C-alpha atoms as a PDB file:
ATOM      1  CA  UNK A   1       7.031 -35.883   3.416  1.00  0.00           C
ATOM      2  CA  UNK A   2       4.354 -34.600   0.922  1.00  0.00           C
ATOM      3  CA  UNK A   3       3.331 -31.156  -0.019  1.00  0.00           C
ATOM      4  CA  UNK A   4       0.268 -30.345  -1.515  1.00  0.00           C
ATOM      5  CA  UNK A   5      -0.517 -27.048  -3.774  1.00  0.00           C
ATOM      6  CA  UNK A   6      -2.829 -25.575  -5.770  1.00  0.00           C
ATOM      7  CA  UNK A   7      -1.081 -24.768  -9.168  1.00  0.00           C
ATOM      8  CA  UNK A   8       1.247 -26.650 -11.218  1.00  0.00           C
ATOM      9  CA  UNK A   9       2.875 -23.058 -11.863  1.00  0.00           C
ATOM     10  CA  UNK A  10       3.591 -22.856  -8.286  1.00  0.00           C
ATOM     11  CA  UNK A  11       5.900 -25.717  -8.545  1.00  0.00           C
ATOM     12  CA  UNK A  12       8.936 -23.976  -9.802  1.00  0.00           C
ATOM     13  CA  UNK A  13       8.017 -20.633  -7.148  1.00  0.00           C
ATOM     14  CA  UNK A  14       8.657 -22.526  -4.276  1.00  0.00           C
ATOM     15  CA  UNK A  15      12.072 -22.096  -4.943  1.00  0.00           C
ATOM     16  CA  UNK A  16      14.862 -25.143  -4.081  1.00  0.00           C
ATOM     17  CA  UNK A  17      13.480 -27.610  -1.605  1.00  0.00           C
ATOM     18  CA  UNK A  18      14.738 -30.608   0.702  1.00  0.00           C
ATOM     19  CA  UNK A  19      15.105 -33.628  -0.946  1.00  0.00           C
ATOM     20  CA  UNK A  20      12.646 -35.321   1.312  1.00  0.00           C
ATOM     21  CA  UNK A  21       9.813 -32.788   0.027  1.00  0.00           C
ATOM     22  CA  UNK A  22       7.917 -34.289  -2.593  1.00  0.00           C
ATOM     23  CA  UNK A  23       5.484 -31.734  -4.148  1.00  0.00           C
ATOM     24  CA  UNK A  24       2.312 -32.655  -5.759  1.00  0.00           C
ATOM     25  CA  UNK A  25      -0.907 -30.363  -7.445  1.00  0.00           C
ATOM     26  CA  UNK A  26      -4.014 -30.837  -5.835  1.00  0.00           C
ATOM     27  CA  UNK A  27      -6.535 -28.505  -7.255  1.00  0.00           C
ATOM     28  CA  UNK A  28      -9.819 -30.179  -7.094  1.00  0.00           C
ATOM     29  CA  UNK A  29     -11.080 -32.675  -4.324  1.00  0.00           C
ATOM     30  CA  UNK A  30     -12.514 -34.962  -7.110  1.00  0.00           C
ATOM     31  CA  UNK A  31      -8.987 -35.653  -8.457  1.00  0.00           C
ATOM     32  CA  UNK A  32      -6.295 -36.098  -6.327  1.00  0.00           C
ATOM     33  CA  UNK A  33      -2.567 -36.121  -7.182  1.00  0.00           C
ATOM     34  CA  UNK A  34      -2.521 -39.265  -4.635  1.00  0.00           C
ATOM     35  CA  UNK A  35      -3.114 -40.782  -1.510  1.00  0.00           C
ATOM     36  CA  UNK A  36      -3.628 -38.217   1.114  1.00  0.00           C
ATOM     37  CA  UNK A  37      -1.410 -40.124   3.708  1.00  0.00           C
ATOM     38  CA  UNK A  38       1.866 -38.526   4.210  1.00  0.00           C
ATOM     39  CA  UNK A  39       0.390 -34.879   3.374  1.00  0.00           C
ATOM     40  CA  UNK A  40       2.297 -33.042   5.969  1.00  0.00           C
ATOM     41  CA  UNK A  41       2.413 -29.559   4.647  1.00  0.00           C
ATOM     42  CA  UNK A  42      -0.872 -28.017   2.574  1.00  0.00           C
ATOM     43  CA  UNK A  43      -1.734 -24.628   0.540  1.00  0.00           C
ATOM     44  CA  UNK A  44      -4.848 -24.760  -0.053  1.00  0.00           C
ATOM     45  CA  UNK A  45      -6.646 -22.954  -3.370  1.00  0.00           C
ATOM     46  CA  UNK A  46      -6.990 -19.757  -4.189  1.00  0.00           C
ATOM     47  CA  UNK A  47      -9.845 -17.546  -4.869  1.00  0.00           C
ATOM     48  CA  UNK A  48     -11.916 -19.139  -7.990  1.00  0.00           C
ATOM     49  CA  UNK A  49     -10.649 -22.469  -7.703  1.00  0.00           C
ATOM     50  CA  UNK A  50     -12.490 -25.752  -6.396  1.00  0.00           C
ATOM     51  CA  UNK A  51     -13.116 -25.379  -2.320  1.00  0.00           C
ATOM     52  CA  UNK A  52     -10.752 -28.258  -0.663  1.00  0.00           C
ATOM     53  CA  UNK A  53     -11.554 -27.639   2.753  1.00  0.00           C
ATOM     54  CA  UNK A  54     -13.409 -31.053   2.765  1.00  0.00           C
ATOM     55  CA  UNK A  55     -10.617 -32.582   2.173  1.00  0.00           C
ATOM     56  CA  UNK A  56      -9.224 -32.044   5.979  1.00  0.00           C
ATOM     57  CA  UNK A  57     -10.628 -34.829   7.579  1.00  0.00           C
ATOM     58  CA  UNK A  58      -9.037 -37.383   5.249  1.00  0.00           C
ATOM     59  CA  UNK A  59      -5.245 -35.517   5.948  1.00  0.00           C
ATOM     60  CA  UNK A  60      -4.525 -37.043   8.786  1.00  0.00           C
ATOM     61  CA  UNK A  61      -0.589 -36.655   8.391  1.00  0.00           C
ATOM     62  CA  UNK A  62      -1.288 -32.877   8.200  1.00  0.00           C
ATOM     63  CA  UNK A  63       1.219 -30.539  10.515  1.00  0.00           C
ATOM     64  CA  UNK A  64       0.998 -27.372   8.472  1.00  0.00           C
ATOM     65  CA  UNK A  65      -2.138 -25.567   6.269  1.00  0.00           C
ATOM     66  CA  UNK A  66      -0.500 -22.546   4.746  1.00  0.00           C
ATOM     67  CA  UNK A  67      -3.081 -20.219   3.354  1.00  0.00           C
ATOM     68  CA  UNK A  68      -2.580 -18.127   0.261  1.00  0.00           C
ATOM     69  CA  UNK A  69      -5.028 -15.404   1.800  1.00  0.00           C
ATOM     70  CA  UNK A  70      -4.379 -12.953   4.623  1.00  0.00           C
ATOM     71  CA  UNK A  71      -7.594 -13.534   6.335  1.00  0.00           C
ATOM     72  CA  UNK A  72      -7.990 -17.111   8.083  1.00  0.00           C
ATOM     73  CA  UNK A  73     -11.706 -16.967   8.874  1.00  0.00           C
ATOM     74  CA  UNK A  74     -12.894 -20.025   7.055  1.00  0.00           C
ATOM     75  CA  UNK A  75     -10.324 -22.410   8.878  1.00  0.00           C
ATOM     76  CA  UNK A  76     -10.061 -21.528  12.277  1.00  0.00           C
ATOM     77  CA  UNK A  77     -13.332 -23.256  13.335  1.00  0.00           C
ATOM     78  CA  UNK A  78     -12.364 -26.722  11.457  1.00  0.00           C
ATOM     79  CA  UNK A  79      -8.574 -26.900  12.328  1.00  0.00           C
ATOM     80  CA  UNK A  80      -7.819 -30.438  13.452  1.00  0.00           C
ATOM     81  CA  UNK A  81      -5.719 -30.500  16.877  1.00  0.00           C
ATOM     82  CA  UNK A  82      -1.932 -30.758  16.137  1.00  0.00           C
ATOM     83  CA  UNK A  83      -1.967 -28.496  12.867  1.00  0.00           C
ATOM     84  CA  UNK A  84      -0.261 -25.321  12.736  1.00  0.00           C
ATOM     85  CA  UNK A  85      -2.463 -23.188  10.613  1.00  0.00           C
ATOM     86  CA  UNK A  86      -0.100 -19.820   9.322  1.00  0.00           C
ATOM     87  CA  UNK A  87      -1.729 -17.114   6.999  1.00  0.00           C
ATOM     88  CA  UNK A  88      -0.122 -15.115   4.192  1.00  0.00           C
ATOM     89  CA  UNK A  89       0.527 -11.659   6.105  1.00  0.00           C
ATOM     90  CA  UNK A  90       2.603  -9.156   4.157  1.00  0.00           C
ATOM     91  CA  UNK A  91       2.022 -10.793   1.022  1.00  0.00           C
ATOM     92  CA  UNK A  92      -0.990  -9.038   0.263  1.00  0.00           C
ATOM     93  CA  UNK A  93       0.063  -5.594   1.924  1.00  0.00           C
ATOM     94  CA  UNK A  94       0.883  -3.415  -1.240  1.00  0.00           C
ATOM     95  CA  UNK A  95      -2.009  -4.655  -3.465  1.00  0.00           C
ATOM     96  CA  UNK A  96      -4.886  -4.422  -0.916  1.00  0.00           C
ATOM     97  CA  UNK A  97      -3.279  -0.905   0.027  1.00  0.00           C
ATOM     98  CA  UNK A  98      -3.389  -0.383  -3.330  1.00  0.00           C
ATOM     99  CA  UNK A  99      -6.920  -1.182  -3.849  1.00  0.00           C
ATOM    100  CA  UNK A 100      -7.829   0.919  -0.775  1.00  0.00           C
ATOM    101  CA  UNK A 101      -6.165   4.233  -1.922  1.00  0.00           C
ATOM    102  CA  UNK A 102      -7.628   4.156  -5.289  1.00  0.00           C
ATOM    103  CA  UNK A 103     -11.063   3.497  -3.951  1.00  0.00           C
ATOM    104  CA  UNK A 104     -10.984   6.628  -1.885  1.00  0.00           C
ATOM    105  CA  UNK A 105      -9.834   8.629  -4.798  1.00  0.00           C
ATOM    106  CA  UNK A 106     -12.328   7.103  -7.149  1.00  0.00           C
ATOM    107  CA  UNK A 107     -15.434   8.139  -4.591  1.00  0.00           C
ATOM    108  CA  UNK A 108     -13.826  11.457  -3.558  1.00  0.00           C
ATOM    109  CA  UNK A 109     -12.920  12.569  -7.036  1.00  0.00           C
ATOM    110  CA  UNK A 110     -16.369  11.040  -7.903  1.00  0.00           C
ATOM    111  CA  UNK A 111     -14.781   8.492 -10.926  1.00  0.00           C
ATOM    112  CA  UNK A 112     -18.096   6.171 -10.457  1.00  0.00           C
ATOM    113  CA  UNK A 113     -20.251   9.642 -11.856  1.00  0.00           C
ATOM    114  CA  UNK A 114     -18.082   9.913 -14.509  1.00  0.00           C
ATOM    115  CA  UNK A 115     -17.773   6.456 -15.658  1.00  0.00           C
ATOM    116  CA  UNK A 116     -21.758   6.334 -16.137  1.00  0.00           C
ATOM    117  CA  UNK A 117     -21.383   9.945 -17.563  1.00  0.00           C
ATOM    118  CA  UNK A 118     -19.348   8.399 -20.149  1.00  0.00           C
ATOM    119  CA  UNK A 119     -21.213   5.521 -20.955  1.00  0.00           C
ATOM    120  CA  UNK A 120     -23.724   7.871 -22.050  1.00  0.00           C
ATOM    121  CA  UNK A 121     -21.772   9.879 -23.992  1.00  0.00           C
ATOM    122  CA  UNK A 122     -22.055  13.178 -21.850  1.00  0.00           C
ATOM    123  CA  UNK A 123     -19.538  15.792 -20.820  1.00  0.00           C
ATOM    124  CA  UNK A 124     -20.583  16.065 -17.264  1.00  0.00           C
ATOM    125  CA  UNK A 125     -18.518  18.606 -16.139  1.00  0.00           C
ATOM    126  CA  UNK A 126     -21.013  20.974 -14.213  1.00  0.00           C
ATOM    127  CA  UNK A 127     -22.876  17.927 -12.904  1.00  0.00           C
ATOM    128  CA  UNK A 128     -19.944  16.886 -10.961  1.00  0.00           C
ATOM    129  CA  UNK A 129     -17.052  19.299 -10.388  1.00  0.00           C
ATOM    130  CA  UNK A 130     -15.943  20.618  -8.260  1.00  0.00           C
ATOM    131  CA  UNK A 131     -15.494  17.134  -6.360  1.00  0.00           C
ATOM    132  CA  UNK A 132     -14.060  16.362  -2.915  1.00  0.00           C
ATOM    133  CA  UNK A 133     -10.316  15.736  -2.514  1.00  0.00           C
ATOM    134  CA  UNK A 134      -8.397  13.418  -0.377  1.00  0.00           C
ATOM    135  CA  UNK A 135      -5.367  16.329   0.958  1.00  0.00           C
ATOM    136  CA  UNK A 136      -6.654  17.342   4.433  1.00  0.00           C
ATOM    137  CA  UNK A 137      -8.998  14.539   5.096  1.00  0.00           C
ATOM    138  CA  UNK A 138      -8.962  13.016   8.756  1.00  0.00           C
ATOM    139  CA  UNK A 139      -8.431   9.134   8.100  1.00  0.00           C
ATOM    140  CA  UNK A 140      -9.246   6.406  10.752  1.00  0.00           C
ATOM    141  CA  UNK A 141      -7.809   2.988  10.017  1.00  0.00           C
ATOM    142  CA  UNK A 142      -9.276   0.207  11.531  1.00  0.00           C
ATOM    143  CA  UNK A 143      -7.015  -2.651  11.914  1.00  0.00           C
ATOM    144  CA  UNK A 144      -3.261  -1.756  12.374  1.00  0.00           C
ATOM    145  CA  UNK A 145      -1.383  -4.840  10.967  1.00  0.00           C
ATOM    146  CA  UNK A 146       0.649  -4.974   8.286  1.00  0.00           C
ATOM    147  CA  UNK A 147      -2.195  -3.925   5.479  1.00  0.00           C
ATOM    148  CA  UNK A 148      -2.894  -1.094   7.565  1.00  0.00           C
ATOM    149  CA  UNK A 149       0.315  -0.109   8.256  1.00  0.00           C
ATOM    150  CA  UNK A 150       0.613  -0.216   4.403  1.00  0.00           C
ATOM    151  CA  UNK A 151      -2.423   1.514   3.816  1.00  0.00           C
ATOM    152  CA  UNK A 152      -1.063   4.354   5.849  1.00  0.00           C
ATOM    153  CA  UNK A 153       2.238   4.550   4.373  1.00  0.00           C
ATOM    154  CA  UNK A 154       0.649   5.215   0.988  1.00  0.00           C
ATOM    155  CA  UNK A 155      -1.980   7.555   2.441  1.00  0.00           C
ATOM    156  CA  UNK A 156       0.349   9.705   4.425  1.00  0.00           C
ATOM    157  CA  UNK A 157       1.914  11.354   1.210  1.00  0.00           C
ATOM    158  CA  UNK A 158      -1.452  13.208   0.176  1.00  0.00           C
ATOM    159  CA  UNK A 159      -1.689  15.125   3.364  1.00  0.00           C
ATOM    160  CA  UNK A 160      -3.999  13.685   5.403  1.00  0.00           C
ATOM    161  CA  UNK A 161      -4.314  13.149   9.287  1.00  0.00           C
ATOM    162  CA  UNK A 162      -3.805   9.560  10.218  1.00  0.00           C
ATOM    163  CA  UNK A 163      -5.479   7.410  13.420  1.00  0.00           C
ATOM    164  CA  UNK A 164      -4.691   4.055  13.695  1.00  0.00           C
ATOM    165  CA  UNK A 165      -6.824   1.252  16.103  1.00  0.00           C
ATOM    166  CA  UNK A 166      -6.573  -2.225  16.737  1.00  0.00           C
ATOM    167  CA  UNK A 167      -7.661  -4.742  19.005  1.00  0.00           C
ATOM    168  CA  UNK A 168      -5.266  -3.757  21.878  1.00  0.00           C
ATOM    169  CA  UNK A 169      -3.573  -0.314  22.448  1.00  0.00           C
ATOM    170  CA  UNK A 170       0.085  -0.147  21.513  1.00  0.00           C
ATOM    171  CA  UNK A 171       0.546   3.750  22.351  1.00  0.00           C
ATOM    172  CA  UNK A 172       4.254   3.489  21.734  1.00  0.00           C
ATOM    173  CA  UNK A 173       3.244   3.298  17.914  1.00  0.00           C
ATOM    174  CA  UNK A 174       0.560   5.822  18.586  1.00  0.00           C
ATOM    175  CA  UNK A 175      -2.205   2.788  18.113  1.00  0.00           C
ATOM    176  CA  UNK A 176      -5.638   3.159  19.682  1.00  0.00           C
ATOM    177  CA  UNK A 177      -7.697   0.511  21.200  1.00  0.00           C
ATOM    178  CA  UNK A 178     -10.607  -0.454  19.490  1.00  0.00           C
ATOM    179  CA  UNK A 179     -12.753   0.505  22.532  1.00  0.00           C
ATOM    180  CA  UNK A 180     -11.905   4.106  21.537  1.00  0.00           C
ATOM    181  CA  UNK A 181     -13.850   4.036  18.487  1.00  0.00           C
ATOM    182  CA  UNK A 182     -17.014   5.783  19.859  1.00  0.00           C
ATOM    183  CA  UNK A 183     -14.636   8.805  20.518  1.00  0.00           C
ATOM    184  CA  UNK A 184     -13.090   8.715  17.207  1.00  0.00           C
ATOM    185  CA  UNK A 185     -14.839   8.066  14.669  1.00  0.00           C
ATOM    186  CA  UNK A 186     -16.805  11.322  14.987  1.00  0.00           C
ATOM    187  CA  UNK A 187     -13.401  12.999  14.241  1.00  0.00           C
ATOM    188  CA  UNK A 188     -12.844  10.685  10.583  1.00  0.00           C
ATOM    189  CA  UNK A 189     -13.879  11.985   7.130  1.00  0.00           C
ATOM    190  CA  UNK A 190     -12.638   8.561   5.649  1.00  0.00           C
ATOM    191  CA  UNK A 191     -12.740   4.738   8.222  1.00  0.00           C
ATOM    192  CA  UNK A 192     -11.118   1.786   6.279  1.00  0.00           C
ATOM    193  CA  UNK A 193     -12.031  -1.636   7.460  1.00  0.00           C
ATOM    194  CA  UNK A 194      -8.941  -3.604   7.641  1.00  0.00           C
ATOM    195  CA  UNK A 195      -9.608  -6.049  10.937  1.00  0.00           C
ATOM    196  CA  UNK A 196     -10.050  -9.981  10.494  1.00  0.00           C
ATOM    197  CA  UNK A 197     -13.146 -11.701  10.417  1.00  0.00           C
ATOM    198  CA  UNK A 198     -13.416 -12.890  14.281  1.00  0.00           C
ATOM    199  CA  UNK A 199     -16.476 -13.483  16.758  1.00  0.00           C
ATOM    200  CA  UNK A 200     -14.821 -10.175  18.014  1.00  0.00           C
ATOM    201  CA  UNK A 201     -14.983  -8.273  14.685  1.00  0.00           C
ATOM    202  CA  UNK A 202     -17.832 -10.419  13.385  1.00  0.00           C
ATOM    203  CA  UNK A 203     -21.197  -7.406  12.704  1.00  0.00           C
ATOM    204  CA  UNK A 204     -18.567  -4.739  14.301  1.00  0.00           C
ATOM    205  CA  UNK A 205     -19.807  -2.173  11.897  1.00  0.00           C
ATOM    206  CA  UNK A 206     -23.602  -1.899  13.092  1.00  0.00           C
ATOM    207  CA  UNK A 207     -26.150   0.692  13.394  1.00  0.00           C
ATOM    208  CA  UNK A 208     -24.266   2.784  16.330  1.00  0.00           C
ATOM    209  CA  UNK A 209     -21.102   2.371  14.764  1.00  0.00           C
ATOM    210  CA  UNK A 210     -22.334   3.974  11.546  1.00  0.00           C
ATOM    211  CA  UNK A 211     -24.347   6.734  12.959  1.00  0.00           C
ATOM    212  CA  UNK A 212     -20.955   8.006  14.939  1.00  0.00           C
ATOM    213  CA  UNK A 213     -19.587   8.888  11.505  1.00  0.00           C
ATOM    214  CA  UNK A 214     -20.264  12.527  10.342  1.00  0.00           C
ATOM    215  CA  UNK A 215     -22.023  13.537   7.557  1.00  0.00           C
ATOM    216  CA  UNK A 216     -20.360  12.976   4.223  1.00  0.00           C
ATOM    217  CA  UNK A 217     -17.809  10.460   5.703  1.00  0.00           C
ATOM    218  CA  UNK A 218     -16.644   7.611   3.187  1.00  0.00           C
ATOM    219  CA  UNK A 219     -16.742   4.015   4.478  1.00  0.00           C
ATOM    220  CA  UNK A 220     -13.982   1.750   3.075  1.00  0.00           C
ATOM    221  CA  UNK A 221     -14.707  -1.898   3.912  1.00  0.00           C
ATOM    222  CA  UNK A 222     -11.398  -3.876   2.297  1.00  0.00           C
ATOM    223  CA  UNK A 223     -11.540  -6.773   5.535  1.00  0.00           C
ATOM    224  CA  UNK A 224     -14.007  -9.009   5.252  1.00  0.00           C
ATOM    225  CA  UNK A 225     -18.200  -8.670   4.533  1.00  0.00           C
ATOM    226  CA  UNK A 226     -19.317 -10.131   7.642  1.00  0.00           C
ATOM    227  CA  UNK A 227     -17.407  -7.288   9.343  1.00  0.00           C
ATOM    228  CA  UNK A 228     -20.709  -5.303   8.842  1.00  0.00           C
ATOM    229  CA  UNK A 229     -23.989  -5.884   9.441  1.00  0.00           C
ATOM    230  CA  UNK A 230     -25.547  -5.910   6.180  1.00  0.00           C
ATOM    231  CA  UNK A 231     -28.779  -4.420   7.090  1.00  0.00           C
ATOM    232  CA  UNK A 232     -27.369  -1.414   9.108  1.00  0.00           C
ATOM    233  CA  UNK A 233     -25.460  -0.619   6.466  1.00  0.00           C
ATOM    234  CA  UNK A 234     -27.703  -0.696   3.388  1.00  0.00           C
ATOM    235  CA  UNK A 235     -30.084   1.524   5.728  1.00  0.00           C
ATOM    236  CA  UNK A 236     -27.455   4.079   6.531  1.00  0.00           C
ATOM    237  CA  UNK A 237     -26.062   4.682   3.165  1.00  0.00           C
ATOM    238  CA  UNK A 238     -29.442   4.395   1.333  1.00  0.00           C
ATOM    239  CA  UNK A 239     -29.941   7.916   3.457  1.00  0.00           C
ATOM    240  CA  UNK A 240     -27.319   9.434   1.256  1.00  0.00           C
ATOM    241  CA  UNK A 241     -25.543  10.519   4.545  1.00  0.00           C
ATOM    242  CA  UNK A 242     -22.393   8.973   4.076  1.00  0.00           C
ATOM    243  CA  UNK A 243     -20.684   6.701   1.250  1.00  0.00           C
ATOM    244  CA  UNK A 244     -18.954   3.832   0.758  1.00  0.00           C
ATOM    245  CA  UNK A 245     -16.509   1.952  -1.304  1.00  0.00           C
ATOM    246  CA  UNK A 246     -16.778  -2.033  -0.913  1.00  0.00           C
ATOM    247  CA  UNK A 247     -14.308  -4.818  -1.892  1.00  0.00           C
ATOM    248  CA  UNK A 248     -16.486  -7.208   0.459  1.00  0.00           C
ATOM    249  CA  UNK A 249     -19.901  -7.443   0.925  1.00  0.00           C
ATOM    250  CA  UNK A 250     -22.221  -9.875   3.070  1.00  0.00           C
ATOM    251  CA  UNK A 251     -23.455 -12.273   1.367  1.00  0.00           C
ATOM    252  CA  UNK A 252     -20.483 -12.990  -1.361  1.00  0.00           C
ATOM    253  CA  UNK A 253     -21.086 -13.338  -4.371  1.00  0.00           C
ATOM    254  CA  UNK A 254     -23.530  -9.930  -3.640  1.00  0.00           C
ATOM    255  CA  UNK A 255     -27.019 -11.314  -5.645  1.00  0.00           C
ATOM    256  CA  UNK A 256     -28.041  -9.389  -8.723  1.00  0.00           C
ATOM    257  CA  UNK A 257     -31.620  -7.995  -7.368  1.00  0.00           C
ATOM    258  CA  UNK A 258     -29.180  -6.759  -3.803  1.00  0.00           C
ATOM    259  CA  UNK A 259     -30.509  -3.027  -3.373  1.00  0.00           C
ATOM    260  CA  UNK A 260     -27.070  -2.150  -2.142  1.00  0.00           C
ATOM    261  CA  UNK A 261     -26.243  -2.582  -5.813  1.00  0.00           C
ATOM    262  CA  UNK A 262     -28.745   0.364  -6.851  1.00  0.00           C
ATOM    263  CA  UNK A 263     -27.205   3.174  -4.212  1.00  0.00           C
ATOM    264  CA  UNK A 264     -25.313   5.983  -6.195  1.00  0.00           C
ATOM    265  CA  UNK A 265     -23.115   6.619  -3.524  1.00  0.00           C
ATOM    266  CA  UNK A 266     -21.887   3.237  -3.388  1.00  0.00           C
ATOM    267  CA  UNK A 267     -18.662   1.581  -4.978  1.00  0.00           C
ATOM    268  CA  UNK A 268     -18.775  -2.344  -5.259  1.00  0.00           C
ATOM    269  CA  UNK A 269     -15.860  -4.451  -6.780  1.00  0.00           C
ATOM    270  CA  UNK A 270     -15.807  -8.095  -6.306  1.00  0.00           C
ATOM    271  CA  UNK A 271     -13.289  -9.083  -3.718  1.00  0.00           C
ATOM    272  CA  UNK A 272     -10.421  -8.095  -6.335  1.00  0.00           C
ATOM    273  CA  UNK A 273      -8.169  -6.099  -3.674  1.00  0.00           C
ATOM    274  CA  UNK A 274      -5.329  -8.140  -3.310  1.00  0.00           C
ATOM    275  CA  UNK A 275      -5.973 -10.107  -6.877  1.00  0.00           C
ATOM    276  CA  UNK A 276      -3.310  -8.483  -8.935  1.00  0.00           C
ATOM    277  CA  UNK A 277      -0.444 -10.224 -11.390  1.00  0.00           C
ATOM    278  CA  UNK A 278       1.849 -10.260  -8.565  1.00  0.00           C
ATOM    279  CA  UNK A 279      -0.006 -12.073  -6.275  1.00  0.00           C
ATOM    280  CA  UNK A 280       0.729 -15.989  -6.403  1.00  0.00           C
ATOM    281  CA  UNK A 281       4.703 -15.318  -6.671  1.00  0.00           C
ATOM    282  CA  UNK A 282       4.287 -13.818  -3.291  1.00  0.00           C
ATOM    283  CA  UNK A 283       2.094 -16.198  -2.199  1.00  0.00           C
ATOM    284  CA  UNK A 284       4.210 -19.452  -3.475  1.00  0.00           C
ATOM    285  CA  UNK A 285       7.705 -17.635  -2.340  1.00  0.00           C
ATOM    286  CA  UNK A 286       6.230 -17.549   1.128  1.00  0.00           C
ATOM    287  CA  UNK A 287       5.074 -21.032   0.996  1.00  0.00           C
ATOM    288  CA  UNK A 288       8.598 -22.472   0.294  1.00  0.00           C
ATOM    289  CA  UNK A 289       9.718 -20.548   2.850  1.00  0.00           C
ATOM    290  CA  UNK A 290       7.451 -22.094   5.174  1.00  0.00           C
ATOM    291  CA  UNK A 291       8.343 -25.278   3.502  1.00  0.00           C
ATOM    292  CA  UNK A 292      11.714 -25.321   4.626  1.00  0.00           C
ATOM    293  CA  UNK A 293      11.724 -24.031   7.574  1.00  0.00           C
ATOM    294  CA  UNK A 294       9.158 -26.763   8.910  1.00  0.00           C
ATOM    295  CA  UNK A 295      11.482 -29.508   7.429  1.00  0.00           C
ATOM    296  CA  UNK A 296      14.467 -27.828   9.314  1.00  0.00           C
ATOM    297  CA  UNK A 297      12.264 -27.731  12.807  1.00  0.00           C
ATOM    298  CA  UNK A 298      12.406 -24.083  12.604  1.00  0.00           C
ATOM    299  CA  UNK A 299       9.254 -21.351  13.871  1.00  0.00           C
ATOM    300  CA  UNK A 300       7.047 -20.907  11.396  1.00  0.00           C
ATOM    301  CA  UNK A 301       5.789 -17.303  10.210  1.00  0.00           C
ATOM    302  CA  UNK A 302       2.448 -16.013  10.624  1.00  0.00           C
ATOM    303  CA  UNK A 303       0.944 -18.235  12.999  1.00  0.00           C
ATOM    304  CA  UNK A 304      -2.391 -17.656  13.640  1.00  0.00           C
ATOM    305  CA  UNK A 305      -3.297 -17.463  17.225  1.00  0.00           C
ATOM    306  CA  UNK A 306      -6.725 -16.672  18.495  1.00  0.00           C
ATOM    307  CA  UNK A 307      -8.170 -15.569  14.979  1.00  0.00           C
ATOM    308  CA  UNK A 308      -4.876 -13.356  14.017  1.00  0.00           C
END
């Protein structure tokens, strides 16, 4: 059987594989390494590489798609029958959690304003200080999967009050259902979004959701841009009543003339929350483990069911 991966440097990162597996590098849809026949396991491209989704109809022997991403929304609707889709749950936990904590601290301590002052060569002590602080804040994490749990673990030492919400309540873990958000939002100083993009979460952050957040609250989106309605998001943020830190937007890339860029209460990063030096090694270790499981006939990890 053949397995296609998107980087030559990923081959040694897969670890030792059964002799029946031939690994080939498919990183450009216009220059395939061989005939798609016989490709049963496929690791698609990472962010920044040419999209390979158009190849899917030609991979007639495909049985497993192992995504390098935590989100599976790009493949769910086009998944052929008989193909198992697996995401990269756990691969992005540490890096995305670090981005969330860093973005929260940057906004609360007004780092963007300080950077702008530095660029003007201004000592902006009286303009910025005193700043807000993370200690004592009430943090609501919407999305209690592996990344949400990682964020909670990293925020706990800051002396915050943590509340988690998920698709369904898990009372034994003190996780609330998203249906309780109208009650939870007014009590949150910081709201962190870590949900997958599904039919149920698309547009979840609408005008009503944003209006329920208290004055001075901070919205942090590290999930997917379409989770937030862009018109409602801009309308609320433009008032200055709340602030935001966004690693994802709708659309992406955010056009240069989008008014969101100009809001002083918004921190925007270009979907880099998970992009760290260790990402590739972790993604390929998972892919190698999945390949060995597949060949051995063992259950695969992180199978995507109903969008999750």
